[in-house]
Amino acid sequence: MNKHKHYDTIIAWANGAPIEMKDAVADTWHDVQTPSWYESLNYRIKPEPVRDVLRDAYIVNSLSAGPMMYAVQKSIESNITMVFDGTTGELKDVSFKQPQKPF
């Protein structure tokens, strides 16, 4: 006897895993609370979201070499924070910190 096409996903759903169904037209996945388990459709266990990656750096403008970026060490305070998408690695956001003015 052959297993149902969605056997593993059905078992995971029965054990409480969130399930998604693929929209073949839009090529996207959508949450589904009560799957119908049609063999013509595609289902999957909803993947865990991947966290974004934050990177702090220190950027200076060198007169001879132009802008230079340094990885931040404990002894140097960062002046820029970059946010990278945890899945694609693409840069999503950059925020700059204003330098603190001496008293």
N, C-alpha and C. Protein backbone atom coordinates (compact mmCIF):
# COMPACT_ATOMS: atom_id res chain seq x y z
N MET A 1 0.85 -1.19 0.00
CA MET A 1 0.00 0.00 0.00
C MET A 1 0.89 1.25 0.00
N ASN A 2 0.58 2.19 -0.88
CA ASN A 2 1.37 3.42 -0.98
C ASN A 2 0.89 4.45 0.03
N LYS A 3 1.86 5.25 0.51
CA LYS A 3 1.51 6.35 1.41
C LYS A 3 0.82 7.45 0.61
N HIS A 4 -0.03 8.20 1.29
CA HIS A 4 -0.65 9.38 0.72
C HIS A 4 0.45 10.39 0.38
N LYS A 5 0.27 11.15 -0.68
CA LYS A 5 1.26 12.14 -1.11
C LYS A 5 1.67 13.08 0.02
N HIS A 6 0.71 13.44 0.86
CA HIS A 6 0.96 14.42 1.93
C HIS A 6 1.10 13.76 3.31
N TYR A 7 1.43 12.48 3.33
CA TYR A 7 1.47 11.72 4.59
C TYR A 7 2.28 12.43 5.67
N ASP A 8 3.52 12.79 5.38
CA ASP A 8 4.38 13.41 6.40
C ASP A 8 3.82 14.75 6.88
N THR A 9 3.27 15.53 5.96
CA THR A 9 2.69 16.82 6.33
C THR A 9 1.42 16.64 7.15
N ILE A 10 0.62 15.62 6.81
CA ILE A 10 -0.60 15.33 7.58
C ILE A 10 -0.24 14.96 9.02
N ILE A 11 0.78 14.13 9.18
CA ILE A 11 1.21 13.72 10.53
C ILE A 11 1.70 14.94 11.31
N ALA A 12 2.49 15.80 10.66
CA ALA A 12 2.98 17.01 11.34
C ALA A 12 1.82 17.91 11.75
N TRP A 13 0.81 18.05 10.86
CA TRP A 13 -0.37 18.87 11.17
C TRP A 13 -1.14 18.28 12.35
N ALA A 14 -1.28 16.95 12.36
CA ALA A 14 -1.98 16.29 13.46
C ALA A 14 -1.25 16.50 14.79
N ASN A 15 0.06 16.71 14.72
CA ASN A 15 0.86 16.97 15.92
C ASN A 15 0.97 18.46 16.24
N GLY A 16 0.23 19.30 15.52
CA GLY A 16 0.16 20.73 15.84
C GLY A 16 1.01 21.65 14.99
N ALA A 17 1.69 21.16 13.97
CA ALA A 17 2.51 22.03 13.13
C ALA A 17 1.63 22.91 12.25
N PRO A 18 2.00 24.18 12.07
CA PRO A 18 1.25 25.05 11.16
C PRO A 18 1.52 24.63 9.71
N ILE A 19 0.48 24.68 8.87
CA ILE A 19 0.56 24.21 7.49
C ILE A 19 0.28 25.37 6.53
N GLU A 20 0.98 25.35 5.40
CA GLU A 20 0.74 26.31 4.33
C GLU A 20 0.35 25.55 3.06
N MET A 21 -0.46 26.22 2.24
CA MET A 21 -0.87 25.66 0.94
C MET A 21 -0.36 26.60 -0.14
N LYS A 22 0.11 26.02 -1.24
CA LYS A 22 0.66 26.84 -2.32
C LYS A 22 -0.42 27.29 -3.28
N ASP A 23 -0.41 28.59 -3.57
CA ASP A 23 -1.26 29.16 -4.62
C ASP A 23 -0.46 29.06 -5.91
N ALA A 24 -0.84 28.13 -6.77
CA ALA A 24 -0.07 27.86 -7.99
C ALA A 24 -0.08 29.03 -8.96
N VAL A 25 -1.14 29.82 -8.96
CA VAL A 25 -1.24 30.95 -9.89
C VAL A 25 -0.27 32.07 -9.48
N ALA A 26 -0.32 32.44 -8.19
CA ALA A 26 0.52 33.52 -7.69
C ALA A 26 1.91 33.03 -7.26
N ASP A 27 2.10 31.72 -7.20
CA ASP A 27 3.35 31.11 -6.75
C ASP A 27 3.75 31.60 -5.36
N THR A 28 2.75 31.62 -4.45
CA THR A 28 2.98 32.03 -3.07
C THR A 28 2.38 31.00 -2.12
N TRP A 29 2.80 31.04 -0.88
CA TRP A 29 2.29 30.12 0.15
C TRP A 29 1.40 30.88 1.10
N HIS A 30 0.29 30.23 1.55
CA HIS A 30 -0.67 30.86 2.46
C HIS A 30 -0.98 29.90 3.60
N ASP A 31 -1.18 30.47 4.80
CA ASP A 31 -1.58 29.66 5.95
C ASP A 31 -2.92 29.00 5.67
N VAL A 32 -3.07 27.77 6.12
CA VAL A 32 -4.35 27.06 6.00
C VAL A 32 -4.60 26.34 7.32
N GLN A 33 -5.76 26.63 7.93
CA GLN A 33 -6.09 26.06 9.24
C GLN A 33 -6.57 24.61 9.14
N THR A 34 -7.41 24.34 8.15
CA THR A 34 -7.95 22.98 7.97
C THR A 34 -7.71 22.53 6.54
N PRO A 35 -6.54 21.96 6.28
CA PRO A 35 -6.22 21.52 4.92
C PRO A 35 -7.16 20.43 4.44
N SER A 36 -7.44 20.43 3.14
CA SER A 36 -8.29 19.40 2.57
C SER A 36 -7.48 18.21 2.04
N TRP A 37 -6.18 18.38 1.94
CA TRP A 37 -5.24 17.32 1.55
C TRP A 37 -5.50 16.74 0.17
N TYR A 38 -5.96 17.59 -0.76
CA TYR A 38 -6.11 17.14 -2.14
C TYR A 38 -4.73 16.82 -2.71
N GLU A 39 -4.62 15.73 -3.42
CA GLU A 39 -3.33 15.35 -3.98
C GLU A 39 -2.89 16.29 -5.10
N SER A 40 -3.82 17.02 -5.69
CA SER A 40 -3.46 17.95 -6.76
C SER A 40 -2.88 19.26 -6.23
N LEU A 41 -2.98 19.50 -4.92
CA LEU A 41 -2.45 20.72 -4.31
C LEU A 41 -1.15 20.42 -3.58
N ASN A 42 -0.40 21.48 -3.28
CA ASN A 42 0.85 21.34 -2.54
C ASN A 42 0.72 21.96 -1.17
N TYR A 43 1.15 21.23 -0.16
CA TYR A 43 1.14 21.67 1.23
C TYR A 43 2.55 21.52 1.78
N ARG A 44 2.83 22.30 2.81
CA ARG A 44 4.11 22.16 3.49
C ARG A 44 3.96 22.62 4.94
N ILE A 45 4.90 22.18 5.75
CA ILE A 45 4.97 22.70 7.12
C ILE A 45 5.50 24.12 7.01
N LYS A 46 4.83 25.04 7.69
CA LYS A 46 5.24 26.44 7.61
C LYS A 46 6.66 26.58 8.15
N PRO A 47 7.57 27.14 7.35
CA PRO A 47 8.95 27.28 7.82
C PRO A 47 9.07 28.33 8.92
N GLU A 48 10.03 28.11 9.79
CA GLU A 48 10.31 29.09 10.84
C GLU A 48 10.88 30.35 10.19
N PRO A 49 10.45 31.52 10.65
CA PRO A 49 11.01 32.73 10.08
C PRO A 49 12.50 32.84 10.42
N VAL A 50 13.26 33.35 9.48
CA VAL A 50 14.69 33.54 9.68
C VAL A 50 14.91 34.97 10.14
N ARG A 51 15.63 35.14 11.23
CA ARG A 51 15.86 36.47 11.78
C ARG A 51 16.78 37.28 10.88
N ASP A 52 16.54 38.59 10.87
CA ASP A 52 17.44 39.50 10.17
C ASP A 52 18.78 39.53 10.90
N VAL A 53 19.81 39.90 10.18
CA VAL A 53 21.16 39.97 10.75
C VAL A 53 21.54 41.44 10.87
N LEU A 54 21.96 41.85 12.07
CA LEU A 54 22.40 43.23 12.31
C LEU A 54 23.92 43.27 12.35
N ARG A 55 24.49 44.25 11.68
CA ARG A 55 25.94 44.42 11.68
C ARG A 55 26.24 45.88 12.00
N ASP A 56 27.04 46.10 13.03
CA ASP A 56 27.50 47.44 13.37
C ASP A 56 28.86 47.67 12.74
N ALA A 57 29.10 48.91 12.34
CA ALA A 57 30.38 49.25 11.72
C ALA A 57 30.72 50.69 12.08
N TYR A 58 31.95 51.03 11.78
CA TYR A 58 32.44 52.39 11.99
C TYR A 58 32.97 52.88 10.65
N ILE A 59 32.40 53.95 10.12
CA ILE A 59 32.82 54.48 8.83
C ILE A 59 33.50 55.83 9.04
N VAL A 60 34.64 55.99 8.39
CA VAL A 60 35.36 57.27 8.42
C VAL A 60 35.66 57.68 6.99
N ASN A 61 35.85 58.95 6.78
CA ASN A 61 36.22 59.45 5.47
C ASN A 61 37.70 59.79 5.51
N SER A 62 38.50 58.93 4.92
CA SER A 62 39.94 59.13 4.88
C SER A 62 40.27 60.11 3.75
N LEU A 63 41.12 61.09 4.02
CA LEU A 63 41.47 62.07 2.99
C LEU A 63 42.23 61.44 1.84
N SER A 64 43.00 60.41 2.12
CA SER A 64 43.81 59.81 1.05
C SER A 64 43.10 58.64 0.36
N ALA A 65 42.29 57.89 1.09
CA ALA A 65 41.69 56.69 0.51
C ALA A 65 40.18 56.79 0.32
N GLY A 66 39.56 57.84 0.79
CA GLY A 66 38.11 57.96 0.69
C GLY A 66 37.42 57.23 1.84
N PRO A 67 36.12 56.97 1.71
CA PRO A 67 35.38 56.31 2.80
C PRO A 67 35.94 54.92 3.10
N MET A 68 36.10 54.64 4.38
CA MET A 68 36.60 53.33 4.81
C MET A 68 35.68 52.82 5.92
N MET A 69 35.37 51.51 5.88
CA MET A 69 34.49 50.92 6.88
C MET A 69 35.28 49.90 7.69
N TYR A 70 35.07 49.93 8.99
CA TYR A 70 35.76 49.01 9.89
C TYR A 70 34.74 48.19 10.66
N ALA A 71 35.05 46.92 10.87
CA ALA A 71 34.23 46.11 11.76
C ALA A 71 34.38 46.68 13.16
N VAL A 72 33.30 46.70 13.91
CA VAL A 72 33.32 47.32 15.22
C VAL A 72 33.93 46.37 16.24
N GLN A 73 34.85 46.92 17.00
CA GLN A 73 35.43 46.18 18.13
C GLN A 73 34.92 46.83 19.40
N LYS A 74 35.16 46.19 20.51
CA LYS A 74 34.65 46.70 21.78
C LYS A 74 35.19 48.09 22.10
N SER A 75 36.40 48.39 21.63
CA SER A 75 37.00 49.68 21.97
C SER A 75 36.51 50.82 21.07
N ILE A 76 35.78 50.50 19.99
CA ILE A 76 35.30 51.52 19.06
C ILE A 76 33.77 51.51 19.06
N GLU A 77 33.17 52.69 19.16
CA GLU A 77 31.71 52.77 19.10
C GLU A 77 31.28 52.87 17.64
N SER A 78 30.28 52.09 17.26
CA SER A 78 29.82 52.10 15.87
C SER A 78 29.11 53.40 15.55
N ASN A 79 29.14 53.79 14.28
CA ASN A 79 28.38 54.96 13.86
C ASN A 79 27.37 54.60 12.77
N ILE A 80 27.25 53.28 12.47
CA ILE A 80 26.30 52.82 11.48
C ILE A 80 25.85 51.40 11.85
N THR A 81 24.56 51.12 11.62
CA THR A 81 24.03 49.76 11.80
C THR A 81 23.35 49.36 10.50
N MET A 82 23.71 48.18 10.00
CA MET A 82 23.13 47.67 8.77
C MET A 82 22.26 46.47 9.10
N VAL A 83 21.10 46.36 8.46
CA VAL A 83 20.19 45.24 8.65
C VAL A 83 20.14 44.44 7.35
N PHE A 84 20.47 43.14 7.45
CA PHE A 84 20.45 42.26 6.29
C PHE A 84 19.32 41.25 6.45
N ASP A 85 18.62 40.95 5.36
CA ASP A 85 17.56 39.95 5.36
C ASP A 85 18.16 38.60 5.73
N GLY A 86 17.56 37.94 6.71
CA GLY A 86 18.09 36.67 7.20
C GLY A 86 18.01 35.55 6.18
N THR A 87 17.11 35.64 5.21
CA THR A 87 16.96 34.60 4.21
C THR A 87 17.82 34.87 2.98
N THR A 88 17.73 36.08 2.45
CA THR A 88 18.42 36.38 1.19
C THR A 88 19.80 36.98 1.37
N GLY A 89 20.07 37.56 2.54
CA GLY A 89 21.34 38.23 2.77
C GLY A 89 21.40 39.63 2.19
N GLU A 90 20.28 40.09 1.60
CA GLU A 90 20.22 41.42 0.99
C GLU A 90 20.15 42.50 2.07
N LEU A 91 20.78 43.63 1.81
CA LEU A 91 20.72 44.78 2.70
C LEU A 91 19.30 45.34 2.70
N LYS A 92 18.68 45.46 3.90
CA LYS A 92 17.31 45.96 4.01
C LYS A 92 17.25 47.39 4.52
N ASP A 93 18.17 47.73 5.42
CA ASP A 93 18.08 49.03 6.07
C ASP A 93 19.45 49.44 6.58
N VAL A 94 19.66 50.74 6.66
CA VAL A 94 20.88 51.29 7.23
C VAL A 94 20.47 52.44 8.14
N SER A 95 21.03 52.48 9.33
CA SER A 95 20.76 53.61 10.21
C SER A 95 22.08 54.18 10.70
N PHE A 96 22.13 55.49 10.77
CA PHE A 96 23.34 56.20 11.16
C PHE A 96 23.15 56.78 12.55
N LYS A 97 24.22 56.76 13.32
CA LYS A 97 24.20 57.36 14.65
C LYS A 97 24.94 58.69 14.58
N GLN A 98 24.34 59.70 15.14
CA GLN A 98 25.01 61.01 15.19
C GLN A 98 26.16 60.95 16.20
N PRO A 99 27.29 61.49 15.86
CA PRO A 99 28.40 61.48 16.83
C PRO A 99 28.02 62.29 18.06
N GLN A 100 28.49 61.81 19.19
CA GLN A 100 28.22 62.54 20.42
C GLN A 100 29.15 63.75 20.50
N LYS A 101 28.56 64.87 20.86
CA LYS A 101 29.35 66.12 20.92
C LYS A 101 29.98 66.23 22.29
N PRO A 102 31.25 66.64 22.33
CA PRO A 102 31.89 66.82 23.63
C PRO A 102 31.25 67.97 24.39
N PHE A 103 31.41 67.97 25.69
CA PHE A 103 30.81 69.01 26.54
C PHE A 103 31.42 70.33 26.32
